[in-house]
Amino acid sequence: GINAEYMGIDEALKEASEGPLKGILGFSNEELVSTDLIGVRESSIYDSKASIALNDNFFKLISWYDNEFGYSCRVVDLILYTSKIQ
């Protein structure tokens, strides 16, 4: 079965992706391949379907990213943020 602690981690990452990390961390429970993530604005997409609990204390979390586009989006965010600082 699915480990209860793993489910807590999974839910926490989903909540973060919809809350304070929205636009930075994405969440997916669909089967993904690397080409699915081309042009995604988030820095990282947590892959719930591919992540697993190896035992009660060890979890394998999978997260995807588009190295160029996601990074570029964060640079733009930083430029916008610093332009507002006086």
PDB file of N, CA and C in Angstrom:
ATOM      1  N   GLY A   1       0.819  -1.204   0.000  1.00  0.00           N
ATOM      2  CA  GLY A   1       0.000   0.000   0.000  1.00  0.00           C
ATOM      3  C   GLY A   1       0.850   1.251   0.000  1.00  0.00           C
ATOM      4  N   ILE A   2       0.180   2.360  -0.042  1.00  0.00           N
ATOM      5  CA  ILE A   2       0.870   3.645  -0.042  1.00  0.00           C
ATOM      6  C   ILE A   2       1.097   4.095   1.397  1.00  0.00           C
ATOM      7  N   ASN A   3       2.323   4.450   1.718  1.00  0.00           N
ATOM      8  CA  ASN A   3       2.731   4.891   3.038  1.00  0.00           C
ATOM      9  C   ASN A   3       2.023   6.201   3.401  1.00  0.00           C
ATOM     10  N   ALA A   4       1.501   6.276   4.630  1.00  0.00           N
ATOM     11  CA  ALA A   4       0.776   7.471   5.079  1.00  0.00           C
ATOM     12  C   ALA A   4       1.687   8.699   5.116  1.00  0.00           C
ATOM     13  N   GLU A   5       2.948   8.517   5.525  1.00  0.00           N
ATOM     14  CA  GLU A   5       3.867   9.654   5.555  1.00  0.00           C
ATOM     15  C   GLU A   5       4.156  10.163   4.142  1.00  0.00           C
ATOM     16  N   TYR A   6       4.281   9.237   3.193  1.00  0.00           N
ATOM     17  CA  TYR A   6       4.478   9.641   1.806  1.00  0.00           C
ATOM     18  C   TYR A   6       3.288  10.449   1.321  1.00  0.00           C
ATOM     19  N   MET A   7       2.088  10.019   1.662  1.00  0.00           N
ATOM     20  CA  MET A   7       0.887  10.754   1.248  1.00  0.00           C
ATOM     21  C   MET A   7       0.899  12.169   1.825  1.00  0.00           C
ATOM     22  N   GLY A   8       1.432  12.320   3.032  1.00  0.00           N
ATOM     23  CA  GLY A   8       1.562  13.650   3.634  1.00  0.00           C
ATOM     24  C   GLY A   8       2.522  14.525   2.866  1.00  0.00           C
ATOM     25  N   ILE A   9       3.636  13.942   2.432  1.00  0.00           N
ATOM     26  CA  ILE A   9       4.609  14.686   1.623  1.00  0.00           C
ATOM     27  C   ILE A   9       3.972  15.097   0.301  1.00  0.00           C
ATOM     28  N   ASP A  10       3.291  14.138  -0.322  1.00  0.00           N
ATOM     29  CA  ASP A  10       2.620  14.386  -1.597  1.00  0.00           C
ATOM     30  C   ASP A  10       1.612  15.530  -1.456  1.00  0.00           C
ATOM     31  N   GLU A  11       0.801  15.485  -0.419  1.00  0.00           N
ATOM     32  CA  GLU A  11      -0.216  16.520  -0.192  1.00  0.00           C
ATOM     33  C   GLU A  11       0.425  17.873   0.116  1.00  0.00           C
ATOM     34  N   ALA A  12       1.509  17.863   0.898  1.00  0.00           N
ATOM     35  CA  ALA A  12       2.202  19.117   1.228  1.00  0.00           C
ATOM     36  C   ALA A  12       2.770  19.776  -0.029  1.00  0.00           C
ATOM     37  N   LEU A  13       3.318  18.975  -0.931  1.00  0.00           N
ATOM     38  CA  LEU A  13       3.847  19.538  -2.175  1.00  0.00           C
ATOM     39  C   LEU A  13       2.724  20.061  -3.060  1.00  0.00           C
ATOM     40  N   LYS A  14       1.604  19.376  -3.079  1.00  0.00           N
ATOM     41  CA  LYS A  14       0.460  19.865  -3.856  1.00  0.00           C
ATOM     42  C   LYS A  14      -0.030  21.198  -3.295  1.00  0.00           C
ATOM     43  N   GLU A  15      -0.163  21.275  -1.976  1.00  0.00           N
ATOM     44  CA  GLU A  15      -0.609  22.520  -1.337  1.00  0.00           C
ATOM     45  C   GLU A  15       0.369  23.658  -1.608  1.00  0.00           C
ATOM     46  N   ALA A  16       1.659  23.370  -1.522  1.00  0.00           N
ATOM     47  CA  ALA A  16       2.669  24.405  -1.788  1.00  0.00           C
ATOM     48  C   ALA A  16       2.581  24.891  -3.226  1.00  0.00           C
ATOM     49  N   SER A  17       2.326  23.970  -4.155  1.00  0.00           N
ATOM     50  CA  SER A  17       2.251  24.352  -5.571  1.00  0.00           C
ATOM     51  C   SER A  17       1.015  25.197  -5.874  1.00  0.00           C
ATOM     52  N   GLU A  18       0.011  25.094  -5.024  1.00  0.00           N
ATOM     53  CA  GLU A  18      -1.211  25.875  -5.207  1.00  0.00           C
ATOM     54  C   GLU A  18      -1.225  27.122  -4.329  1.00  0.00           C
ATOM     55  N   GLY A  19      -0.269  27.204  -3.396  1.00  0.00           N
ATOM     56  CA  GLY A  19      -0.223  28.310  -2.449  1.00  0.00           C
ATOM     57  C   GLY A  19       1.029  29.142  -2.592  1.00  0.00           C
ATOM     58  N   PRO A  20       1.903  29.092  -1.565  1.00  0.00           N
ATOM     59  CA  PRO A  20       3.054  30.004  -1.539  1.00  0.00           C
ATOM     60  C   PRO A  20       4.073  29.786  -2.668  1.00  0.00           C
ATOM     61  N   LEU A  21       4.098  28.615  -3.273  1.00  0.00           N
ATOM     62  CA  LEU A  21       5.050  28.363  -4.363  1.00  0.00           C
ATOM     63  C   LEU A  21       4.384  28.310  -5.731  1.00  0.00           C
ATOM     64  N   LYS A  22       3.151  28.792  -5.801  1.00  0.00           N
ATOM     65  CA  LYS A  22       2.443  28.803  -7.084  1.00  0.00           C
ATOM     66  C   LYS A  22       3.251  29.592  -8.109  1.00  0.00           C
ATOM     67  N   GLY A  23       3.429  29.004  -9.282  1.00  0.00           N
ATOM     68  CA  GLY A  23       4.221  29.642 -10.333  1.00  0.00           C
ATOM     69  C   GLY A  23       5.694  29.279 -10.274  1.00  0.00           C
ATOM     70  N   ILE A  24       6.125  28.689  -9.159  1.00  0.00           N
ATOM     71  CA  ILE A  24       7.515  28.256  -9.012  1.00  0.00           C
ATOM     72  C   ILE A  24       7.579  26.734  -8.976  1.00  0.00           C
ATOM     73  N   LEU A  25       6.704  26.132  -8.180  1.00  0.00           N
ATOM     74  CA  LEU A  25       6.611  24.681  -8.084  1.00  0.00           C
ATOM     75  C   LEU A  25       5.296  24.229  -8.700  1.00  0.00           C
ATOM     76  N   GLY A  26       5.369  23.320  -9.642  1.00  0.00           N
ATOM     77  CA  GLY A  26       4.161  22.745 -10.226  1.00  0.00           C
ATOM     78  C   GLY A  26       3.896  21.382  -9.623  1.00  0.00           C
ATOM     79  N   PHE A  27       2.737  20.824  -9.897  1.00  0.00           N
ATOM     80  CA  PHE A  27       2.350  19.510  -9.380  1.00  0.00           C
ATOM     81  C   PHE A  27       1.640  18.758 -10.493  1.00  0.00           C
ATOM     82  N   SER A  28       2.008  17.500 -10.674  1.00  0.00           N
ATOM     83  CA  SER A  28       1.335  16.682 -11.684  1.00  0.00           C
ATOM     84  C   SER A  28       1.119  15.279 -11.139  1.00  0.00           C
ATOM     85  N   ASN A  29      -0.049  14.727 -11.438  1.00  0.00           N
ATOM     86  CA  ASN A  29      -0.303  13.319 -11.117  1.00  0.00           C
ATOM     87  C   ASN A  29      -0.630  12.557 -12.400  1.00  0.00           C
ATOM     88  N   GLU A  30      -0.107  13.062 -13.511  1.00  0.00           N
ATOM     89  CA  GLU A  30      -0.254  12.408 -14.813  1.00  0.00           C
ATOM     90  C   GLU A  30       1.083  11.803 -15.209  1.00  0.00           C
ATOM     91  N   GLU A  31       1.057  10.821 -16.100  1.00  0.00           N
ATOM     92  CA  GLU A  31       2.309  10.265 -16.607  1.00  0.00           C
ATOM     93  C   GLU A  31       2.983  11.300 -17.500  1.00  0.00           C
ATOM     94  N   LEU A  32       4.264  11.564 -17.223  1.00  0.00           N
ATOM     95  CA  LEU A  32       5.000  12.610 -17.939  1.00  0.00           C
ATOM     96  C   LEU A  32       6.244  12.035 -18.611  1.00  0.00           C
ATOM     97  N   VAL A  33       6.656  12.696 -19.679  1.00  0.00           N
ATOM     98  CA  VAL A  33       7.966  12.490 -20.291  1.00  0.00           C
ATOM     99  C   VAL A  33       8.593  13.877 -20.427  1.00  0.00           C
ATOM    100  N   SER A  34       9.883  13.920 -20.638  1.00  0.00           N
ATOM    101  CA  SER A  34      10.590  15.196 -20.625  1.00  0.00           C
ATOM    102  C   SER A  34      10.023  16.218 -21.610  1.00  0.00           C
ATOM    103  N   THR A  35       9.559  15.788 -22.755  1.00  0.00           N
ATOM    104  CA  THR A  35       9.045  16.744 -23.740  1.00  0.00           C
ATOM    105  C   THR A  35       7.724  17.385 -23.296  1.00  0.00           C
ATOM    106  N   ASP A  36       7.053  16.807 -22.310  1.00  0.00           N
ATOM    107  CA  ASP A  36       5.835  17.416 -21.776  1.00  0.00           C
ATOM    108  C   ASP A  36       6.128  18.719 -21.038  1.00  0.00           C
ATOM    109  N   LEU A  37       7.373  18.919 -20.646  1.00  0.00           N
ATOM    110  CA  LEU A  37       7.726  20.058 -19.808  1.00  0.00           C
ATOM    111  C   LEU A  37       8.390  21.200 -20.564  1.00  0.00           C
ATOM    112  N   ILE A  38       8.528  21.092 -21.858  1.00  0.00           N
ATOM    113  CA  ILE A  38       9.154  22.159 -22.641  1.00  0.00           C
ATOM    114  C   ILE A  38       8.269  23.395 -22.574  1.00  0.00           C
ATOM    115  N   GLY A  39       8.863  24.496 -22.157  1.00  0.00           N
ATOM    116  CA  GLY A  39       8.136  25.758 -22.085  1.00  0.00           C
ATOM    117  C   GLY A  39       7.314  25.958 -20.831  1.00  0.00           C
ATOM    118  N   VAL A  40       7.472  25.095 -19.835  1.00  0.00           N
ATOM    119  CA  VAL A  40       6.732  25.243 -18.583  1.00  0.00           C
ATOM    120  C   VAL A  40       7.382  26.343 -17.753  1.00  0.00           C
ATOM    121  N   ARG A  41       6.562  27.259 -17.228  1.00  0.00           N
ATOM    122  CA  ARG A  41       7.073  28.423 -16.508  1.00  0.00           C
ATOM    123  C   ARG A  41       7.599  28.102 -15.110  1.00  0.00           C
ATOM    124  N   GLU A  42       7.051  27.068 -14.476  1.00  0.00           N
ATOM    125  CA  GLU A  42       7.501  26.727 -13.131  1.00  0.00           C
ATOM    126  C   GLU A  42       8.951  26.250 -13.159  1.00  0.00           C
ATOM    127  N   SER A  43       9.662  26.486 -12.066  1.00  0.00           N
ATOM    128  CA  SER A  43      11.053  26.037 -11.975  1.00  0.00           C
ATOM    129  C   SER A  43      11.145  24.525 -11.862  1.00  0.00           C
ATOM    130  N   SER A  44      10.117  23.912 -11.284  1.00  0.00           N
ATOM    131  CA  SER A  44      10.122  22.478 -11.059  1.00  0.00           C
ATOM    132  C   SER A  44       8.687  21.966 -11.026  1.00  0.00           C
ATOM    133  N   ILE A  45       8.466  20.802 -11.606  1.00  0.00           N
ATOM    134  CA  ILE A  45       7.151  20.160 -11.598  1.00  0.00           C
ATOM    135  C   ILE A  45       7.282  18.853 -10.833  1.00  0.00           C
ATOM    136  N   TYR A  46       6.675  18.782  -9.661  1.00  0.00           N
ATOM    137  CA  TYR A  46       6.708  17.553  -8.862  1.00  0.00           C
ATOM    138  C   TYR A  46       5.832  16.510  -9.540  1.00  0.00           C
ATOM    139  N   ASP A  47       6.392  15.328  -9.746  1.00  0.00           N
ATOM    140  CA  ASP A  47       5.701  14.232 -10.426  1.00  0.00           C
ATOM    141  C   ASP A  47       5.202  13.232  -9.384  1.00  0.00           C
ATOM    142  N   SER A  48       3.967  13.409  -8.959  1.00  0.00           N
ATOM    143  CA  SER A  48       3.377  12.561  -7.929  1.00  0.00           C
ATOM    144  C   SER A  48       3.287  11.105  -8.368  1.00  0.00           C
ATOM    145  N   LYS A  49       2.980  10.895  -9.629  1.00  0.00           N
ATOM    146  CA  LYS A  49       2.796   9.534 -10.136  1.00  0.00           C
ATOM    147  C   LYS A  49       4.106   8.745 -10.166  1.00  0.00           C
ATOM    148  N   ALA A  50       5.222   9.406 -10.414  1.00  0.00           N
ATOM    149  CA  ALA A  50       6.517   8.724 -10.499  1.00  0.00           C
ATOM    150  C   ALA A  50       7.227   8.626  -9.149  1.00  0.00           C
ATOM    151  N   SER A  51       6.820   9.418  -8.174  1.00  0.00           N
ATOM    152  CA  SER A  51       7.446   9.401  -6.853  1.00  0.00           C
ATOM    153  C   SER A  51       6.919   8.216  -6.043  1.00  0.00           C
ATOM    154  N   ILE A  52       7.793   7.654  -5.194  1.00  0.00           N
ATOM    155  CA  ILE A  52       7.392   6.467  -4.434  1.00  0.00           C
ATOM    156  C   ILE A  52       7.994   6.474  -3.028  1.00  0.00           C
ATOM    157  N   ALA A  53       7.352   5.722  -2.139  1.00  0.00           N
ATOM    158  CA  ALA A  53       7.906   5.441  -0.811  1.00  0.00           C
ATOM    159  C   ALA A  53       8.681   4.133  -0.938  1.00  0.00           C
ATOM    160  N   LEU A  54       9.984   4.178  -0.712  1.00  0.00           N
ATOM    161  CA  LEU A  54      10.801   2.967  -0.798  1.00  0.00           C
ATOM    162  C   LEU A  54      10.679   2.131   0.473  1.00  0.00           C
ATOM    163  N   ASN A  55      10.499   2.794   1.606  1.00  0.00           N
ATOM    164  CA  ASN A  55      10.171   2.150   2.877  1.00  0.00           C
ATOM    165  C   ASN A  55       9.559   3.222   3.775  1.00  0.00           C
ATOM    166  N   ASP A  56       9.387   2.947   5.046  1.00  0.00           N
ATOM    167  CA  ASP A  56       8.731   3.909   5.943  1.00  0.00           C
ATOM    168  C   ASP A  56       9.522   5.196   6.156  1.00  0.00           C
ATOM    169  N   ASN A  57      10.810   5.163   5.867  1.00  0.00           N
ATOM    170  CA  ASN A  57      11.663   6.320   6.144  1.00  0.00           C
ATOM    171  C   ASN A  57      12.391   6.876   4.932  1.00  0.00           C
ATOM    172  N   PHE A  58      12.169   6.295   3.758  1.00  0.00           N
ATOM    173  CA  PHE A  58      12.930   6.697   2.580  1.00  0.00           C
ATOM    174  C   PHE A  58      11.980   6.867   1.400  1.00  0.00           C
ATOM    175  N   PHE A  59      11.981   8.066   0.822  1.00  0.00           N
ATOM    176  CA  PHE A  59      11.053   8.392  -0.251  1.00  0.00           C
ATOM    177  C   PHE A  59      11.825   8.871  -1.467  1.00  0.00           C
ATOM    178  N   LYS A  60      11.385   8.452  -2.619  1.00  0.00           N
ATOM    179  CA  LYS A  60      12.006   8.881  -3.880  1.00  0.00           C
ATOM    180  C   LYS A  60      11.034   9.859  -4.535  1.00  0.00           C
ATOM    181  N   LEU A  61      11.407  11.134  -4.535  1.00  0.00           N
ATOM    182  CA  LEU A  61      10.568  12.182  -5.113  1.00  0.00           C
ATOM    183  C   LEU A  61      11.150  12.577  -6.465  1.00  0.00           C
ATOM    184  N   ILE A  62      10.294  12.644  -7.461  1.00  0.00           N
ATOM    185  CA  ILE A  62      10.711  12.996  -8.817  1.00  0.00           C
ATOM    186  C   ILE A  62      10.149  14.370  -9.172  1.00  0.00           C
ATOM    187  N   SER A  63      11.017  15.207  -9.690  1.00  0.00           N
ATOM    188  CA  SER A  63      10.595  16.527 -10.112  1.00  0.00           C
ATOM    189  C   SER A  63      11.250  16.844 -11.456  1.00  0.00           C
ATOM    190  N   TRP A  64      10.488  17.405 -12.359  1.00  0.00           N
ATOM    191  CA  TRP A  64      10.949  17.721 -13.711  1.00  0.00           C
ATOM    192  C   TRP A  64      11.151  19.235 -13.843  1.00  0.00           C
ATOM    193  N   TYR A  65      11.933  19.621 -14.834  1.00  0.00           N
ATOM    194  CA  TYR A  65      12.089  21.044 -15.132  1.00  0.00           C
ATOM    195  C   TYR A  65      12.543  21.243 -16.568  1.00  0.00           C
ATOM    196  N   ASP A  66      12.205  22.412 -17.095  1.00  0.00           N
ATOM    197  CA  ASP A  66      12.746  22.864 -18.373  1.00  0.00           C
ATOM    198  C   ASP A  66      13.881  23.809 -17.999  1.00  0.00           C
ATOM    199  N   ASN A  67      15.086  23.330 -18.084  1.00  0.00           N
ATOM    200  CA  ASN A  67      16.250  24.037 -17.577  1.00  0.00           C
ATOM    201  C   ASN A  67      16.352  25.473 -18.076  1.00  0.00           C
ATOM    202  N   GLU A  68      16.059  25.725 -19.317  1.00  0.00           N
ATOM    203  CA  GLU A  68      16.240  27.063 -19.868  1.00  0.00           C
ATOM    204  C   GLU A  68      15.045  27.974 -19.603  1.00  0.00           C
ATOM    205  N   PHE A  69      13.849  27.503 -19.916  1.00  0.00           N
ATOM    206  CA  PHE A  69      12.687  28.375 -19.820  1.00  0.00           C
ATOM    207  C   PHE A  69      12.310  28.676 -18.373  1.00  0.00           C
ATOM    208  N   GLY A  70      12.294  27.661 -17.528  1.00  0.00           N
ATOM    209  CA  GLY A  70      11.969  27.880 -16.117  1.00  0.00           C
ATOM    210  C   GLY A  70      12.944  28.846 -15.464  1.00  0.00           C
ATOM    211  N   TYR A  71      14.240  28.674 -15.747  1.00  0.00           N
ATOM    212  CA  TYR A  71      15.261  29.576 -15.206  1.00  0.00           C
ATOM    213  C   TYR A  71      15.048  30.994 -15.724  1.00  0.00           C
ATOM    214  N   SER A  72      14.780  31.122 -17.006  1.00  0.00           N
ATOM    215  CA  SER A  72      14.549  32.447 -17.595  1.00  0.00           C
ATOM    216  C   SER A  72      13.372  33.142 -16.934  1.00  0.00           C
ATOM    217  N   CYS A  73      12.339  32.391 -16.620  1.00  0.00           N
ATOM    218  CA  CYS A  73      11.172  32.970 -15.941  1.00  0.00           C
ATOM    219  C   CYS A  73      11.538  33.483 -14.560  1.00  0.00           C
ATOM    220  N   ARG A  74      12.417  32.767 -13.842  1.00  0.00           N
ATOM    221  CA  ARG A  74      12.841  33.234 -12.519  1.00  0.00           C
ATOM    222  C   ARG A  74      13.703  34.486 -12.640  1.00  0.00           C
ATOM    223  N   VAL A  75      14.514  34.579 -13.697  1.00  0.00           N
ATOM    224  CA  VAL A  75      15.322  35.786 -13.910  1.00  0.00           C
ATOM    225  C   VAL A  75      14.398  36.980 -14.143  1.00  0.00           C
ATOM    226  N   VAL A  76      13.365  36.801 -14.940  1.00  0.00           N
ATOM    227  CA  VAL A  76      12.391  37.873 -15.174  1.00  0.00           C
ATOM    228  C   VAL A  76      11.712  38.251 -13.858  1.00  0.00           C
ATOM    229  N   ASP A  77      11.325  37.262 -13.051  1.00  0.00           N
ATOM    230  CA  ASP A  77      10.734  37.538 -11.740  1.00  0.00           C
ATOM    231  C   ASP A  77      11.675  38.378 -10.883  1.00  0.00           C
ATOM    232  N   LEU A  78      12.968  38.028 -10.901  1.00  0.00           N
ATOM    233  CA  LEU A  78      13.958  38.767 -10.118  1.00  0.00           C
ATOM    234  C   LEU A  78      14.097  40.203 -10.618  1.00  0.00           C
ATOM    235  N   ILE A  79      14.115  40.388 -11.918  1.00  0.00           N
ATOM    236  CA  ILE A  79      14.209  41.737 -12.488  1.00  0.00           C
ATOM    237  C   ILE A  79      12.994  42.567 -12.083  1.00  0.00           C
ATOM    238  N   LEU A  80      11.806  41.982 -12.182  1.00  0.00           N
ATOM    239  CA  LEU A  80      10.594  42.697 -11.779  1.00  0.00           C
ATOM    240  C   LEU A  80      10.604  43.035 -10.303  1.00  0.00           C
ATOM    241  N   TYR A  81      11.071  42.094  -9.474  1.00  0.00           N
ATOM    242  CA  TYR A  81      11.136  42.316  -8.040  1.00  0.00           C
ATOM    243  C   TYR A  81      12.120  43.443  -7.705  1.00  0.00           C
ATOM    244  N   THR A  82      13.318  43.398  -8.294  1.00  0.00           N
ATOM    245  CA  THR A  82      14.324  44.405  -7.978  1.00  0.00           C
ATOM    246  C   THR A  82      13.949  45.778  -8.537  1.00  0.00           C
ATOM    247  N   SER A  83      13.147  45.801  -9.579  1.00  0.00           N
ATOM    248  CA  SER A  83      12.727  47.098 -10.123  1.00  0.00           C
ATOM    249  C   SER A  83      11.754  47.805  -9.185  1.00  0.00           C
ATOM    250  N   LYS A  84      11.138  47.080  -8.274  1.00  0.00           N
ATOM    251  CA  LYS A  84      10.175  47.660  -7.323  1.00  0.00           C
ATOM    252  C   LYS A  84      10.837  48.107  -6.033  1.00  0.00           C
ATOM    253  N   ILE A  85      12.081  47.673  -5.785  1.00  0.00           N
ATOM    254  CA  ILE A  85      12.812  48.031  -4.559  1.00  0.00           C
ATOM    255  C   ILE A  85      13.371  49.441  -4.733  1.00  0.00           C
ATOM    256  N   GLN A  86      13.180  50.257  -3.703  1.00  0.00           N
ATOM    257  CA  GLN A  86      13.674  51.642  -3.802  1.00  0.00           C
ATOM    258  C   GLN A  86      14.761  51.918  -2.816  1.00  0.00           C
TER     259      GLN A  86
END
